[in-house]
Amino acid sequence: MTDREKSEVLVGKYFMATDPHEDGIVESVINEDYYLVRFESRAGGPPEAFAVVALSDMARVGSTGNENEPPPWLFFDSAEQRAKYRTWINEPDDPNKPRIVPMRRH
């Protein structure tokens, strides 16, 4: 796989960006470090917009640099997968669902 082919892996992927809180799609590769993305408009939100985004911003660990946080951008193969994920993370916790509680040593 060439460097160009590796760079194109994200092209066509749908994303949820946690910072800013926007959804969109990766449109094309500019070079090995930058991508052209399209942020989708939402009801009551900003209009659709294009932006050049650094790969390092999309893939860095957590929005605060904490390695226990997920990356600030999550990628999906389709808009439907992204919508299902959003629905799942916004579901309230079932109070009857069993939980695993870690034991702590004192």
C-alpha atoms as a PDB file:
ATOM      1  CA  MET A   1       0.000   0.000   0.000  1.00  0.00           C
ATOM      2  CA  THR A   2       1.465   3.381  -1.007  1.00  0.00           C
ATOM      3  CA  ASP A   3       1.492   6.439   1.234  1.00  0.00           C
ATOM      4  CA  ARG A   4      -1.269   7.962  -0.919  1.00  0.00           C
ATOM      5  CA  GLU A   5      -3.421   4.837  -0.535  1.00  0.00           C
ATOM      6  CA  LYS A   6      -2.870   4.898   3.233  1.00  0.00           C
ATOM      7  CA  SER A   7      -3.939   8.538   3.315  1.00  0.00           C
ATOM      8  CA  GLU A   8      -7.125   7.770   1.384  1.00  0.00           C
ATOM      9  CA  VAL A   9      -8.374   5.272   3.996  1.00  0.00           C
ATOM     10  CA  LEU A  10     -10.444   8.020   5.679  1.00  0.00           C
ATOM     11  CA  VAL A  11     -11.937   9.431   2.459  1.00  0.00           C
ATOM     12  CA  GLY A  12     -15.677   8.779   2.404  1.00  0.00           C
ATOM     13  CA  LYS A  13     -15.842   8.050   6.133  1.00  0.00           C
ATOM     14  CA  TYR A  14     -18.540   9.713   8.189  1.00  0.00           C
ATOM     15  CA  PHE A  15     -17.454  11.220  11.472  1.00  0.00           C
ATOM     16  CA  MET A  16     -18.588  12.613  14.780  1.00  0.00           C
ATOM     17  CA  ALA A  17     -16.235  15.314  15.987  1.00  0.00           C
ATOM     18  CA  THR A  18     -16.450  15.956  19.703  1.00  0.00           C
ATOM     19  CA  ASP A  19     -14.559  19.230  19.432  1.00  0.00           C
ATOM     20  CA  PRO A  20     -16.310  20.995  17.788  1.00  0.00           C
ATOM     21  CA  HIS A  21     -19.519  19.009  18.288  1.00  0.00           C
ATOM     22  CA  GLU A  22     -20.189  18.407  14.622  1.00  0.00           C
ATOM     23  CA  ASP A  23     -20.900  15.601  12.201  1.00  0.00           C
ATOM     24  CA  GLY A  24     -19.655  15.322   8.657  1.00  0.00           C
ATOM     25  CA  ILE A  25     -17.801  13.366   6.022  1.00  0.00           C
ATOM     26  CA  VAL A  26     -14.172  13.251   4.924  1.00  0.00           C
ATOM     27  CA  GLU A  27     -14.235  14.469   1.316  1.00  0.00           C
ATOM     28  CA  SER A  28     -10.637  14.157   0.124  1.00  0.00           C
ATOM     29  CA  VAL A  29      -6.937  14.048   0.914  1.00  0.00           C
ATOM     30  CA  ILE A  30      -5.016  17.283   0.537  1.00  0.00           C
ATOM     31  CA  ASN A  31      -1.669  15.744   1.462  1.00  0.00           C
ATOM     32  CA  GLU A  32      -0.435  13.162   3.968  1.00  0.00           C
ATOM     33  CA  ASP A  33      -1.128  15.544   6.873  1.00  0.00           C
ATOM     34  CA  TYR A  34      -4.389  17.304   5.882  1.00  0.00           C
ATOM     35  CA  TYR A  35      -7.898  16.391   4.754  1.00  0.00           C
ATOM     36  CA  LEU A  36     -10.817  18.328   3.314  1.00  0.00           C
ATOM     37  CA  VAL A  37     -13.922  17.627   5.413  1.00  0.00           C
ATOM     38  CA  ARG A  38     -17.532  18.709   5.095  1.00  0.00           C
ATOM     39  CA  PHE A  39     -19.342  19.558   8.302  1.00  0.00           C
ATOM     40  CA  GLU A  40     -23.063  18.837   7.924  1.00  0.00           C
ATOM     41  CA  SER A  41     -25.685  21.333   8.958  1.00  0.00           C
ATOM     42  CA  ARG A  42     -28.084  20.507  11.789  1.00  0.00           C
ATOM     43  CA  ALA A  43     -31.428  22.023  12.674  1.00  0.00           C
ATOM     44  CA  GLY A  44     -30.690  25.238  14.508  1.00  0.00           C
ATOM     45  CA  GLY A  45     -26.958  24.784  14.005  1.00  0.00           C
ATOM     46  CA  PRO A  46     -24.402  26.336  11.700  1.00  0.00           C
ATOM     47  CA  PRO A  47     -24.818  25.868   7.928  1.00  0.00           C
ATOM     48  CA  GLU A  48     -22.901  23.222   6.013  1.00  0.00           C
ATOM     49  CA  ALA A  49     -19.221  24.136   5.725  1.00  0.00           C
ATOM     50  CA  PHE A  50     -15.954  22.801   4.360  1.00  0.00           C
ATOM     51  CA  ALA A  51     -12.700  22.868   6.317  1.00  0.00           C
ATOM     52  CA  VAL A  52      -9.122  21.713   6.011  1.00  0.00           C
ATOM     53  CA  VAL A  53      -8.308  19.599   9.074  1.00  0.00           C
ATOM     54  CA  ALA A  54      -4.998  18.170  10.216  1.00  0.00           C
ATOM     55  CA  LEU A  55      -4.860  14.417  10.665  1.00  0.00           C
ATOM     56  CA  SER A  56      -3.128  15.041  13.990  1.00  0.00           C
ATOM     57  CA  ASP A  57      -6.248  16.900  15.213  1.00  0.00           C
ATOM     58  CA  MET A  58      -8.557  14.078  14.138  1.00  0.00           C
ATOM     59  CA  ALA A  59      -6.497  11.280  15.672  1.00  0.00           C
ATOM     60  CA  ARG A  60      -4.931  12.701  18.832  1.00  0.00           C
ATOM     61  CA  VAL A  61      -5.710  10.936  22.090  1.00  0.00           C
ATOM     62  CA  GLY A  62      -8.644  12.549  23.878  1.00  0.00           C
ATOM     63  CA  SER A  63      -9.552  16.199  23.628  1.00  0.00           C
ATOM     64  CA  THR A  64      -7.460  16.941  26.720  1.00  0.00           C
ATOM     65  CA  GLY A  65      -4.550  14.656  25.852  1.00  0.00           C
ATOM     66  CA  ASN A  66      -5.659  12.058  28.413  1.00  0.00           C
ATOM     67  CA  GLU A  67      -4.945   8.627  26.924  1.00  0.00           C
ATOM     68  CA  ASN A  68      -8.032   7.174  28.663  1.00  0.00           C
ATOM     69  CA  GLU A  69     -10.348   9.380  26.610  1.00  0.00           C
ATOM     70  CA  PRO A  70     -11.519   8.396  23.123  1.00  0.00           C
ATOM     71  CA  PRO A  71     -10.121  10.363  20.190  1.00  0.00           C
ATOM     72  CA  PRO A  72     -11.950  13.622  19.467  1.00  0.00           C
ATOM     73  CA  TRP A  73     -13.173  12.247  16.114  1.00  0.00           C
ATOM     74  CA  LEU A  74     -14.967   8.917  15.683  1.00  0.00           C
ATOM     75  CA  PHE A  75     -15.248   7.448  12.163  1.00  0.00           C
ATOM     76  CA  PHE A  76     -18.019   5.326  10.621  1.00  0.00           C
ATOM     77  CA  ASP A  77     -18.533   3.593   7.274  1.00  0.00           C
ATOM     78  CA  SER A  78     -22.033   5.032   6.824  1.00  0.00           C
ATOM     79  CA  ALA A  79     -24.355   7.722   8.109  1.00  0.00           C
ATOM     80  CA  GLU A  80     -26.603   4.926   9.414  1.00  0.00           C
ATOM     81  CA  GLN A  81     -23.799   3.483  11.572  1.00  0.00           C
ATOM     82  CA  ARG A  82     -23.116   6.933  12.963  1.00  0.00           C
ATOM     83  CA  ALA A  83     -26.816   7.485  13.724  1.00  0.00           C
ATOM     84  CA  LYS A  84     -27.068   4.101  15.499  1.00  0.00           C
ATOM     85  CA  TYR A  85     -23.998   4.921  17.586  1.00  0.00           C
ATOM     86  CA  ARG A  86     -25.414   8.333  18.516  1.00  0.00           C
ATOM     87  CA  THR A  87     -28.714   6.710  19.541  1.00  0.00           C
ATOM     88  CA  TRP A  88     -26.872   4.106  21.616  1.00  0.00           C
ATOM     89  CA  ILE A  89     -24.704   6.619  23.510  1.00  0.00           C
ATOM     90  CA  ASN A  90     -27.706   8.850  24.215  1.00  0.00           C
ATOM     91  CA  GLU A  91     -29.843   6.026  25.639  1.00  0.00           C
ATOM     92  CA  PRO A  92     -30.474   6.423  29.346  1.00  0.00           C
ATOM     93  CA  ASP A  93     -28.978   3.691  31.513  1.00  0.00           C
ATOM     94  CA  ASP A  94     -31.447   0.999  32.503  1.00  0.00           C
ATOM     95  CA  PRO A  95     -31.598   1.024  36.316  1.00  0.00           C
ATOM     96  CA  ASN A  96     -32.212  -2.767  36.307  1.00  0.00           C
ATOM     97  CA  LYS A  97     -29.220  -3.556  34.122  1.00  0.00           C
ATOM     98  CA  PRO A  98     -26.422  -5.307  36.029  1.00  0.00           C
ATOM     99  CA  ARG A  99     -23.212  -3.293  36.401  1.00  0.00           C
ATOM    100  CA  ILE A 100     -19.649  -4.271  37.077  1.00  0.00           C
ATOM    101  CA  VAL A 101     -18.255  -2.278  39.958  1.00  0.00           C
ATOM    102  CA  PRO A 102     -14.502  -2.483  40.415  1.00  0.00           C
ATOM    103  CA  MET A 103     -13.267  -3.412  43.882  1.00  0.00           C
ATOM    104  CA  ARG A 104     -10.917  -0.939  45.479  1.00  0.00           C
ATOM    105  CA  ARG A 105      -8.156  -1.640  47.917  1.00  0.00           C
ATOM    106  CA  HIS A 106      -7.807   0.676  50.876  1.00  0.00           C
END
